[in-house]
Amino acid sequence: MSLRERRPAEAPPEAVAREAGENQDGLGFPRRAWAMLTVGLAVSMAVLDGSISNVALPTIAAGLHARPAASIWVVNAYQLAITVSLLPLASLGEILGYQRIYRAGLALFVAASLACALSHSLLTLALARVLQGFGAAGVMSVNGALIRFIFPHRMLGRAVGYNTMVVAISSAAGPTAAAAILSVATWPWLFAINLPIGALALAVALGSLPATPRADRRFDAPSAALSAATFGLLIAAIDGVGHAADIRPVLALLGLTAICGTLLVRRQLARPAPLLPVDLLRIPIFALSILTSIASFAAQMLAFVSLPFYIQDTLGRSAVQTGLLLTPWPLTLAVVAPLAGRLSERYPAGLLGGLGLLTLAAGLLLLAGLPAHPHDIALAWRLALCGAGFGLFQSPNNRTLLQAAPRDRAGGASGMLSTARLLGQTCGAALVAMILALAPSTGTRLSVEVAAGFALVAALVSSLRIMTRPAPAGA
């Protein structure tokens, strides 16, 4: 007899769904496939809208008659909104249900995409991008938590692998998608393309996502404000390291970050389920996975930002050729990530991550040691090696990070997963800017060498997890 048949007739449908979400180990097929479809569509849009706008900035600035320096806010507004709202929305997902935050975030993302497409000034576009960033954060903050309830525990590794593959393909497709759209349409269509895809994802989400347990506590608004201030100021300070000629504003931002961060941590220590998951950071394997993620994404961004300068300025390739030459990294990652996800169901993430990050470091060192005039194939196979190493690390690391948290704290784990990625990428981009400013002639090669150093540090931290007791199955 089914769960619905066993419950009293007067039980509201939402209560039935909630009990099903609490008691079932994942969804059955085909509902599981539909749920992953909507997750994949939403995540791909959120990732694409970060990379598409980067490529299209000159076109957008010209279309809005804006100064190139001011047009950077089209990118910054989106990234900053995501950064400051990830942890508050993850906490809200634990209280209201992850599926509710996901659907609301997706709906806001689609509506904000329409506002972006209709914008006629840089100010209105930047404001619309802020709203779009909040919507993307609603999706990204609970994405990992939802996957934990969509798939059975025994399949969590491959589920994370599939999600990693979607992110990799979306990252690879960003420049190509932007170029394809701008070749046949004006820049507003970069955002208008989200409307049909987002509407489809939202329609699928309404009937496929599982109802998840809800925490019996109030939303901690003061902690949310402190968290937004802490991470917003920290990102601004890190970004300022690479761009500010005067170090005093950066020091002031770091001082304000320290004050807000101290107040935030002190407030969280007394709470059983804090918004900033200090309770999860007390779990050794969770903390090591977060550190591994930050260091590895810093390495990735150091390479991603510096290599286009190397390929175009040093090797003399065109922008189109540069995009094609960089493609082996994300494409190889997309192939390896699902396989690594399956391997993580049998082998420890510390071992897989350590091997993957050592492979990434080797690929980066080989890139740094390229001769003055390398053949395209020599560049491509080194980039493919980097992608394979990163794919071997990322899926097992994400699975371990999500699994280390209790099920009722899956939102906090999911929020920290995305926050660690953003912090690592921001640090990597800032370091490239600083290195290129200090050493213009050798900065690209030096950036790749520093990236290899970060990968080696990440490999060491990952290997420490081999000696750490894993989280209990089904925690």
Protein backbone atom coordinates (compact mmCIF):
# COMPACT_ATOMS: atom_id res chain seq x y z
CA MET A 1 0.00 0.00 0.00
CA SER A 2 1.33 3.44 -0.90
CA LEU A 3 2.12 6.21 1.52
CA ARG A 4 -0.75 8.30 0.23
CA GLU A 5 -3.21 5.44 0.80
CA ARG A 6 -2.03 4.85 4.37
CA ARG A 7 -2.48 8.46 5.51
CA PRO A 8 -5.84 9.75 6.80
CA ALA A 9 -8.09 11.31 4.20
CA GLU A 10 -7.97 14.71 5.90
CA ALA A 11 -4.17 15.01 5.67
CA PRO A 12 -3.26 17.94 3.42
CA PRO A 13 -1.35 17.07 0.26
CA GLU A 14 1.64 19.17 1.38
CA ALA A 15 1.97 17.10 4.55
CA VAL A 16 1.97 13.92 2.46
CA ALA A 17 4.63 15.36 0.19
CA ARG A 18 6.69 16.49 3.14
CA GLU A 19 6.58 13.05 4.76
CA ALA A 20 7.53 11.47 1.45
CA GLY A 21 10.47 13.84 1.16
CA GLU A 22 11.62 12.94 4.65
CA ASN A 23 11.26 9.18 4.44
CA GLN A 24 12.15 8.20 0.88
CA ASP A 25 15.77 7.67 -0.13
CA GLY A 26 15.59 9.76 -3.28
CA LEU A 27 13.02 9.87 -6.06
CA GLY A 28 11.99 7.05 -8.34
CA PHE A 29 12.40 7.02 -12.09
CA PRO A 30 11.24 8.90 -14.23
CA ARG A 31 10.56 11.69 -11.70
CA ARG A 32 14.25 11.69 -10.78
CA ALA A 33 15.18 12.36 -14.40
CA TRP A 34 12.71 15.26 -14.66
CA ALA A 35 14.04 16.76 -11.41
CA MET A 36 17.63 16.60 -12.67
CA LEU A 37 16.51 18.16 -15.96
CA THR A 38 15.21 21.27 -14.22
CA VAL A 39 18.30 21.45 -11.98
CA GLY A 40 20.57 21.13 -15.01
CA LEU A 41 18.71 23.78 -17.01
CA ALA A 42 18.73 26.30 -14.17
CA VAL A 43 22.38 25.76 -13.24
CA SER A 44 23.47 26.00 -16.87
CA MET A 45 21.65 29.34 -17.26
CA ALA A 46 23.22 30.71 -14.07
CA VAL A 47 26.72 29.69 -15.21
CA LEU A 48 26.23 30.86 -18.78
CA ASP A 49 25.00 34.28 -17.70
CA GLY A 50 28.24 34.81 -15.81
CA SER A 51 30.49 33.99 -18.77
CA ILE A 52 28.32 35.34 -21.59
CA SER A 53 28.27 38.86 -20.16
CA ASN A 54 32.08 38.82 -19.80
CA VAL A 55 32.53 38.15 -23.50
CA ALA A 56 29.82 40.62 -24.57
CA LEU A 57 30.91 43.60 -22.41
CA PRO A 58 32.35 45.65 -25.31
CA THR A 59 29.17 45.14 -27.34
CA ILE A 60 26.91 46.01 -24.38
CA ALA A 61 28.96 49.11 -23.54
CA ALA A 62 28.73 50.33 -27.14
CA GLY A 63 25.00 49.62 -27.33
CA LEU A 64 24.29 51.56 -24.13
CA HIS A 65 26.81 54.34 -24.91
CA ALA A 66 28.60 53.55 -21.63
CA ARG A 67 32.27 53.86 -20.73
CA PRO A 68 34.09 50.48 -20.82
CA ALA A 69 35.24 50.88 -17.20
CA ALA A 70 31.67 51.55 -16.03
CA SER A 71 30.32 48.58 -18.01
CA ILE A 72 32.22 46.24 -15.67
CA TRP A 73 29.26 46.62 -13.31
CA VAL A 74 27.24 44.42 -15.66
CA VAL A 75 29.49 41.58 -14.43
CA ASN A 76 30.20 42.79 -10.90
CA ALA A 77 26.56 43.40 -9.99
CA TYR A 78 25.67 39.81 -10.86
CA GLN A 79 28.62 38.21 -9.05
CA LEU A 80 28.29 40.40 -5.95
CA ALA A 81 24.56 39.67 -5.61
CA ILE A 82 25.25 35.94 -5.77
CA THR A 83 28.08 36.12 -3.24
CA VAL A 84 26.23 38.06 -0.54
CA SER A 85 23.01 36.02 -0.76
CA LEU A 86 24.21 32.42 -1.06
CA LEU A 87 24.40 31.57 2.66
CA PRO A 88 21.23 33.46 3.70
CA LEU A 89 19.23 31.73 0.97
CA ALA A 90 20.71 28.34 1.88
CA SER A 91 19.59 28.90 5.49
CA LEU A 92 16.17 30.00 4.29
CA GLY A 93 15.97 26.79 2.25
CA GLU A 94 16.41 24.72 5.41
CA ILE A 95 13.51 26.61 7.00
CA LEU A 96 11.06 26.90 4.09
CA GLY A 97 12.09 23.89 1.99
CA TYR A 98 14.80 23.74 -0.65
CA GLN A 99 12.30 23.29 -3.48
CA ARG A 100 10.54 26.56 -2.56
CA ILE A 101 13.76 28.59 -2.61
CA TYR A 102 14.79 26.94 -5.87
CA ARG A 103 11.48 27.72 -7.61
CA ALA A 104 11.39 31.30 -6.29
CA GLY A 105 15.00 31.85 -7.36
CA LEU A 106 14.34 30.43 -10.81
CA ALA A 107 11.21 32.60 -11.25
CA LEU A 108 13.15 35.72 -10.18
CA PHE A 109 16.01 34.81 -12.53
CA VAL A 110 13.62 34.56 -15.50
CA ALA A 111 11.83 37.82 -14.63
CA ALA A 112 15.15 39.62 -14.16
CA SER A 113 16.37 38.26 -17.52
CA LEU A 114 13.38 39.98 -19.15
CA ALA A 115 14.27 43.19 -17.31
CA CYS A 116 17.87 42.89 -18.58
CA ALA A 117 16.68 42.43 -22.16
CA LEU A 118 14.44 45.52 -21.91
CA SER A 119 17.07 47.75 -20.28
CA HIS A 120 17.95 50.98 -22.10
CA SER A 121 20.67 52.31 -19.80
CA LEU A 122 23.65 50.96 -17.90
CA LEU A 123 21.98 51.78 -14.56
CA THR A 124 18.79 49.82 -15.30
CA LEU A 125 20.81 46.91 -16.68
CA ALA A 126 23.04 46.81 -13.59
CA LEU A 127 20.00 46.87 -11.28
CA ALA A 128 18.37 44.09 -13.30
CA ARG A 129 21.60 42.10 -13.04
CA VAL A 130 21.47 42.45 -9.25
CA LEU A 131 18.01 40.87 -9.27
CA GLN A 132 19.23 38.22 -11.68
CA GLY A 133 22.12 37.47 -9.32
CA PHE A 134 19.72 37.01 -6.39
CA GLY A 135 17.70 34.62 -8.54
CA ALA A 136 20.80 32.68 -9.54
CA ALA A 137 21.81 32.47 -5.88
CA GLY A 138 18.38 31.00 -5.07
CA VAL A 139 19.15 28.19 -7.51
CA MET A 140 22.82 27.71 -6.62
CA SER A 141 22.40 27.91 -2.84
CA VAL A 142 20.14 24.83 -2.66
CA ASN A 143 21.28 23.01 -5.77
CA GLY A 144 23.51 20.53 -3.95
CA ALA A 145 20.97 20.01 -1.16
CA LEU A 146 18.22 19.17 -3.66
CA ILE A 147 20.45 16.64 -5.42
CA ARG A 148 20.86 14.86 -2.10
CA PHE A 149 17.07 14.41 -1.90
CA ILE A 150 16.57 13.66 -5.61
CA PHE A 151 18.99 10.72 -5.80
CA PRO A 152 19.30 7.69 -3.51
CA HIS A 153 22.33 7.79 -1.23
CA ARG A 154 24.09 5.04 -3.17
CA MET A 155 23.90 7.18 -6.36
CA LEU A 156 25.00 10.50 -4.86
CA GLY A 157 28.45 10.32 -6.44
CA ARG A 158 27.20 9.96 -10.00
CA ALA A 159 24.53 12.65 -9.37
CA VAL A 160 27.22 15.13 -8.34
CA GLY A 161 29.25 14.04 -11.35
CA TYR A 162 26.38 14.79 -13.71
CA ASN A 163 25.94 18.21 -12.13
CA THR A 164 29.66 18.93 -12.47
CA MET A 165 29.46 17.92 -16.12
CA VAL A 166 26.62 20.41 -16.72
CA VAL A 167 28.63 23.21 -15.14
CA ALA A 168 31.70 22.32 -17.22
CA ILE A 169 29.78 22.21 -20.49
CA SER A 170 28.07 25.51 -19.66
CA SER A 171 31.42 27.12 -18.91
CA ALA A 172 32.83 25.85 -22.19
CA ALA A 173 29.77 26.99 -24.15
CA GLY A 174 29.71 30.54 -22.73
CA PRO A 175 32.04 32.31 -25.21
CA THR A 176 30.71 30.27 -28.15
CA ALA A 177 27.08 30.97 -27.21
CA ALA A 178 27.76 34.69 -26.86
CA ALA A 179 29.49 34.83 -30.23
CA ALA A 180 26.70 32.85 -31.90
CA ILE A 181 23.93 35.05 -30.49
CA LEU A 182 25.72 38.33 -31.28
CA SER A 183 26.38 37.16 -34.84
CA VAL A 184 22.63 37.10 -35.60
CA ALA A 185 21.04 39.38 -32.97
CA THR A 186 21.63 42.36 -30.70
CA TRP A 187 22.92 42.12 -27.12
CA PRO A 188 19.47 42.06 -25.38
CA TRP A 189 19.00 38.58 -26.83
CA LEU A 190 21.85 37.36 -24.61
CA PHE A 191 19.35 37.67 -21.76
CA ALA A 192 16.10 37.09 -23.67
CA ILE A 193 17.25 33.56 -24.53
CA ASN A 194 16.71 32.70 -20.85
CA LEU A 195 12.95 33.25 -21.09
CA PRO A 196 11.89 30.07 -22.96
CA ILE A 197 14.54 27.92 -21.24
CA GLY A 198 13.66 29.32 -17.81
CA ALA A 199 9.93 28.87 -18.39
CA LEU A 200 10.51 25.22 -19.32
CA ALA A 201 12.71 24.65 -16.25
CA LEU A 202 10.12 26.29 -13.98
CA ALA A 203 7.28 24.21 -15.43
CA VAL A 204 9.25 21.00 -14.89
CA ALA A 205 10.26 22.10 -11.38
CA LEU A 206 6.65 22.56 -10.27
CA GLY A 207 5.87 18.87 -10.68
CA SER A 208 9.17 17.07 -10.18
CA LEU A 209 11.19 18.49 -7.30
CA PRO A 210 10.85 16.64 -3.98
CA ALA A 211 9.35 18.28 -0.91
CA THR A 212 12.10 18.46 1.70
CA PRO A 213 11.96 18.61 5.52
CA ARG A 214 11.66 22.05 7.06
CA ALA A 215 13.61 23.20 10.12
CA ASP A 216 11.59 24.46 13.09
CA ARG A 217 13.36 27.78 13.65
CA ARG A 218 13.15 31.43 12.65
CA PHE A 219 15.24 33.03 9.94
CA ASP A 220 18.17 34.88 11.52
CA ALA A 221 17.97 38.25 9.73
CA PRO A 222 20.83 39.94 11.69
CA SER A 223 23.16 37.04 10.80
CA ALA A 224 22.07 37.30 7.17
CA ALA A 225 22.97 41.00 7.14
CA LEU A 226 26.33 40.35 8.79
CA SER A 227 27.04 37.50 6.34
CA ALA A 228 26.22 39.69 3.33
CA ALA A 229 28.43 42.49 4.69
CA THR A 230 31.31 40.13 5.50
CA PHE A 231 31.45 38.37 2.16
CA GLY A 232 30.60 41.48 0.14
CA LEU A 233 33.43 43.46 1.78
CA LEU A 234 35.81 40.50 1.48
CA ILE A 235 35.16 40.10 -2.25
CA ALA A 236 35.60 43.86 -2.75
CA ALA A 237 38.88 43.78 -0.81
CA ILE A 238 40.23 40.78 -2.73
CA ASP A 239 39.26 42.37 -6.04
CA GLY A 240 40.90 45.62 -4.92
CA VAL A 241 44.22 43.86 -4.32
CA GLY A 242 44.62 43.35 -8.05
CA HIS A 243 43.32 46.72 -9.24
CA ALA A 244 43.93 49.40 -6.60
CA ALA A 245 47.04 51.52 -6.97
CA ASP A 246 46.49 52.82 -3.43
CA ILE A 247 46.53 50.06 -0.81
CA ARG A 248 44.74 52.13 1.85
CA PRO A 249 41.18 51.51 0.59
CA VAL A 250 41.95 47.79 0.46
CA LEU A 251 43.20 47.83 4.05
CA ALA A 252 40.07 49.70 5.12
CA LEU A 253 37.88 47.09 3.43
CA LEU A 254 39.82 44.28 5.09
CA GLY A 255 39.40 45.98 8.47
CA LEU A 256 35.64 46.27 7.99
CA THR A 257 35.57 42.63 6.84
CA ALA A 258 37.35 41.56 10.03
CA ILE A 259 34.90 43.50 12.22
CA CYS A 260 31.79 42.14 10.48
CA GLY A 261 33.26 38.63 10.32
CA THR A 262 34.09 38.62 14.04
CA LEU A 263 30.58 39.74 14.94
CA LEU A 264 29.13 37.12 12.60
CA VAL A 265 31.18 34.22 14.01
CA ARG A 266 30.48 35.20 17.63
CA ARG A 267 26.76 35.26 16.86
CA GLN A 268 26.90 31.88 15.12
CA LEU A 269 28.79 30.01 17.85
CA ALA A 270 25.79 30.05 20.18
CA ARG A 271 23.32 28.72 17.58
CA PRO A 272 22.55 25.04 16.96
CA ALA A 273 22.03 25.57 13.21
CA PRO A 274 23.96 28.73 12.31
CA LEU A 275 23.57 30.59 9.04
CA LEU A 276 27.35 30.57 8.63
CA PRO A 277 27.80 26.82 9.15
CA VAL A 278 30.51 26.89 11.81
CA ASP A 279 28.93 23.71 13.16
CA LEU A 280 29.79 21.93 9.89
CA LEU A 281 33.31 23.39 9.85
CA ARG A 282 33.92 21.50 13.10
CA ILE A 283 33.62 18.28 11.05
CA PRO A 284 37.23 17.63 9.92
CA ILE A 285 36.44 16.12 6.53
CA PHE A 286 33.99 18.96 5.74
CA ALA A 287 36.53 21.65 6.67
CA LEU A 288 39.28 19.94 4.64
CA SER A 289 36.94 19.66 1.64
CA ILE A 290 36.14 23.40 1.85
CA LEU A 291 39.85 24.30 1.99
CA THR A 292 40.56 21.96 -0.93
CA SER A 293 37.79 23.58 -2.95
CA ILE A 294 38.99 27.15 -2.30
CA ALA A 295 42.61 26.36 -3.24
CA SER A 296 41.67 24.35 -6.35
CA PHE A 297 39.28 26.97 -7.73
CA ALA A 298 41.92 29.64 -7.14
CA ALA A 299 44.27 27.52 -9.27
CA GLN A 300 41.61 27.11 -11.94
CA MET A 301 40.86 30.84 -12.16
CA LEU A 302 44.55 31.78 -12.18
CA ALA A 303 44.91 29.64 -15.29
CA PHE A 304 41.59 30.61 -16.93
CA VAL A 305 42.30 34.36 -16.68
CA SER A 306 45.99 34.30 -17.60
CA LEU A 307 45.98 31.73 -20.43
CA PRO A 308 43.88 33.83 -22.89
CA PHE A 309 46.47 36.63 -22.55
CA TYR A 310 49.25 34.13 -23.18
CA ILE A 311 47.58 32.57 -26.21
CA GLN A 312 46.61 35.90 -27.82
CA ASP A 313 49.44 38.24 -26.83
CA THR A 314 52.38 35.81 -26.72
CA LEU A 315 51.37 33.20 -29.29
CA GLY A 316 49.52 35.65 -31.57
CA ARG A 317 46.30 33.64 -31.93
CA SER A 318 42.97 35.33 -32.65
CA ALA A 319 40.09 35.53 -30.16
CA VAL A 320 38.22 32.72 -31.96
CA GLN A 321 41.33 30.53 -32.03
CA THR A 322 41.89 31.22 -28.34
CA GLY A 323 38.38 30.06 -27.49
CA LEU A 324 38.87 26.86 -29.47
CA LEU A 325 42.30 26.17 -27.96
CA LEU A 326 40.95 26.55 -24.41
CA THR A 327 38.03 24.18 -25.04
CA PRO A 328 39.90 20.90 -24.24
CA TRP A 329 40.00 21.81 -20.52
CA PRO A 330 36.21 22.06 -19.88
CA LEU A 331 35.36 19.34 -22.39
CA THR A 332 37.74 16.84 -20.78
CA LEU A 333 36.38 17.84 -17.39
CA ALA A 334 32.87 17.12 -18.66
CA VAL A 335 33.92 13.61 -19.68
CA VAL A 336 35.89 12.78 -16.53
CA ALA A 337 33.53 14.30 -13.91
CA PRO A 338 30.71 11.70 -14.23
CA LEU A 339 33.27 8.87 -14.17
CA ALA A 340 34.90 10.38 -11.09
CA GLY A 341 31.47 10.64 -9.49
CA ARG A 342 30.97 6.90 -9.87
CA LEU A 343 34.48 6.19 -8.59
CA SER A 344 33.74 8.29 -5.49
CA GLU A 345 31.09 5.76 -4.51
CA ARG A 346 33.90 3.17 -4.10
CA TYR A 347 37.09 5.07 -3.34
CA PRO A 348 37.84 7.87 -0.84
CA ALA A 349 37.64 11.46 -2.07
CA GLY A 350 40.98 12.24 -0.42
CA LEU A 351 42.72 9.76 -2.72
CA LEU A 352 40.82 10.68 -5.90
CA GLY A 353 41.10 14.40 -5.19
CA GLY A 354 44.80 14.15 -4.39
CA LEU A 355 45.52 12.29 -7.65
CA GLY A 356 43.35 14.68 -9.65
CA LEU A 357 44.97 17.79 -8.22
CA LEU A 358 48.48 16.38 -8.75
CA THR A 359 47.46 15.79 -12.37
CA LEU A 360 46.19 19.37 -12.57
CA ALA A 361 49.48 20.68 -11.13
CA ALA A 362 51.45 18.60 -13.64
CA GLY A 363 49.40 19.95 -16.53
CA LEU A 364 49.87 23.54 -15.34
CA LEU A 365 53.64 23.10 -14.95
CA LEU A 366 53.79 21.63 -18.45
CA LEU A 367 51.88 24.67 -19.74
CA ALA A 368 54.29 27.01 -17.95
CA GLY A 369 57.21 25.17 -19.57
CA LEU A 370 55.96 25.46 -23.16
CA PRO A 371 58.53 26.54 -25.75
CA ALA A 372 58.34 29.97 -27.35
CA HIS A 373 56.38 28.79 -30.39
CA PRO A 374 54.39 25.66 -29.45
CA HIS A 375 52.16 23.73 -31.80
CA ASP A 376 48.42 23.86 -31.14
CA ILE A 377 48.40 20.15 -30.31
CA ALA A 378 51.08 20.65 -27.64
CA LEU A 379 48.88 23.28 -26.00
CA ALA A 380 45.66 21.28 -26.36
CA TRP A 381 46.84 18.05 -24.73
CA ARG A 382 48.26 19.94 -21.74
CA LEU A 383 44.94 21.73 -21.27
CA ALA A 384 43.13 18.40 -21.58
CA LEU A 385 45.38 16.99 -18.84
CA CYS A 386 44.40 19.92 -16.61
CA GLY A 387 40.73 19.31 -17.29
CA ALA A 388 41.04 15.61 -16.53
CA GLY A 389 42.76 16.34 -13.23
CA PHE A 390 40.19 18.93 -12.19
CA GLY A 391 37.33 16.58 -13.11
CA LEU A 392 38.85 13.75 -11.08
CA PHE A 393 38.97 16.09 -8.07
CA GLN A 394 35.72 18.04 -8.31
CA SER A 395 32.99 15.39 -8.27
CA PRO A 396 34.40 13.34 -5.35
CA ASN A 397 35.11 16.53 -3.40
CA ASN A 398 31.59 17.87 -3.85
CA ARG A 399 30.05 14.51 -2.95
CA THR A 400 32.11 14.25 0.23
CA LEU A 401 31.32 17.82 1.22
CA LEU A 402 27.57 17.32 0.80
CA GLN A 403 27.56 13.89 2.44
CA ALA A 404 29.55 15.07 5.48
CA ALA A 405 26.66 17.27 6.63
CA PRO A 406 23.54 15.82 8.32
CA ARG A 407 20.50 15.79 6.04
CA ASP A 408 18.85 18.61 7.98
CA ARG A 409 21.96 20.78 7.35
CA ALA A 410 22.21 20.02 3.63
CA GLY A 411 21.35 23.65 2.85
CA GLY A 412 24.31 24.96 4.83
CA ALA A 413 26.61 22.49 3.08
CA SER A 414 25.25 23.45 -0.35
CA GLY A 415 25.68 27.16 0.39
CA MET A 416 29.25 26.68 1.58
CA LEU A 417 30.04 24.62 -1.53
CA SER A 418 29.09 27.53 -3.81
CA THR A 419 30.68 30.13 -1.51
CA ALA A 420 34.00 28.25 -1.49
CA ARG A 421 33.98 28.15 -5.29
CA LEU A 422 33.32 31.89 -5.57
CA LEU A 423 35.98 32.77 -2.99
CA GLY A 424 38.58 30.64 -4.76
CA GLN A 425 37.74 32.09 -8.17
CA THR A 426 37.80 35.66 -6.84
CA CYS A 427 41.20 35.11 -5.20
CA GLY A 428 42.56 33.61 -8.41
CA ALA A 429 41.34 36.48 -10.59
CA ALA A 430 42.72 39.09 -8.18
CA LEU A 431 46.11 37.36 -8.07
CA VAL A 432 46.32 37.37 -11.87
CA ALA A 433 45.57 41.10 -11.97
CA MET A 434 48.25 41.75 -9.36
CA ILE A 435 50.86 39.54 -11.07
CA LEU A 436 50.23 41.10 -14.49
CA ALA A 437 50.57 44.57 -12.97
CA LEU A 438 53.84 43.71 -11.21
CA ALA A 439 55.40 41.67 -14.03
CA PRO A 440 53.86 42.64 -17.39
CA SER A 441 56.36 40.73 -19.52
CA THR A 442 56.38 37.42 -17.61
CA GLY A 443 53.07 37.70 -15.76
CA THR A 444 51.13 35.08 -17.72
CA ARG A 445 53.74 32.36 -17.26
CA LEU A 446 54.19 33.31 -13.59
CA SER A 447 50.41 33.16 -13.05
CA VAL A 448 50.31 29.60 -14.40
CA GLU A 449 53.19 28.64 -12.09
CA VAL A 450 51.37 30.14 -9.10
CA ALA A 451 48.27 28.19 -10.19
CA ALA A 452 50.34 25.00 -10.09
CA GLY A 453 51.41 25.92 -6.55
CA PHE A 454 47.79 26.31 -5.45
CA ALA A 455 46.97 22.95 -7.04
CA LEU A 456 49.80 21.28 -5.10
CA VAL A 457 48.57 22.84 -1.84
CA ALA A 458 45.05 21.63 -2.63
CA ALA A 459 46.41 18.13 -3.34
CA LEU A 460 48.13 18.08 0.03
CA VAL A 461 44.99 19.21 1.88
CA SER A 462 42.90 16.68 -0.05
CA SER A 463 45.27 13.87 0.88
CA LEU A 464 44.83 14.68 4.57
CA ARG A 465 41.25 13.45 4.20
CA ILE A 466 42.50 9.90 3.66
CA MET A 467 43.38 9.80 7.35
CA THR A 468 40.05 11.41 8.36
CA ARG A 469 37.05 9.33 9.33
CA PRO A 470 34.35 9.73 6.64
CA ALA A 471 30.81 10.80 7.42
CA PRO A 472 28.41 7.94 8.18
CA ALA A 473 26.38 6.69 5.25
CA GLY A 474 23.02 8.37 4.95
CA ALA A 475 23.82 10.96 7.60
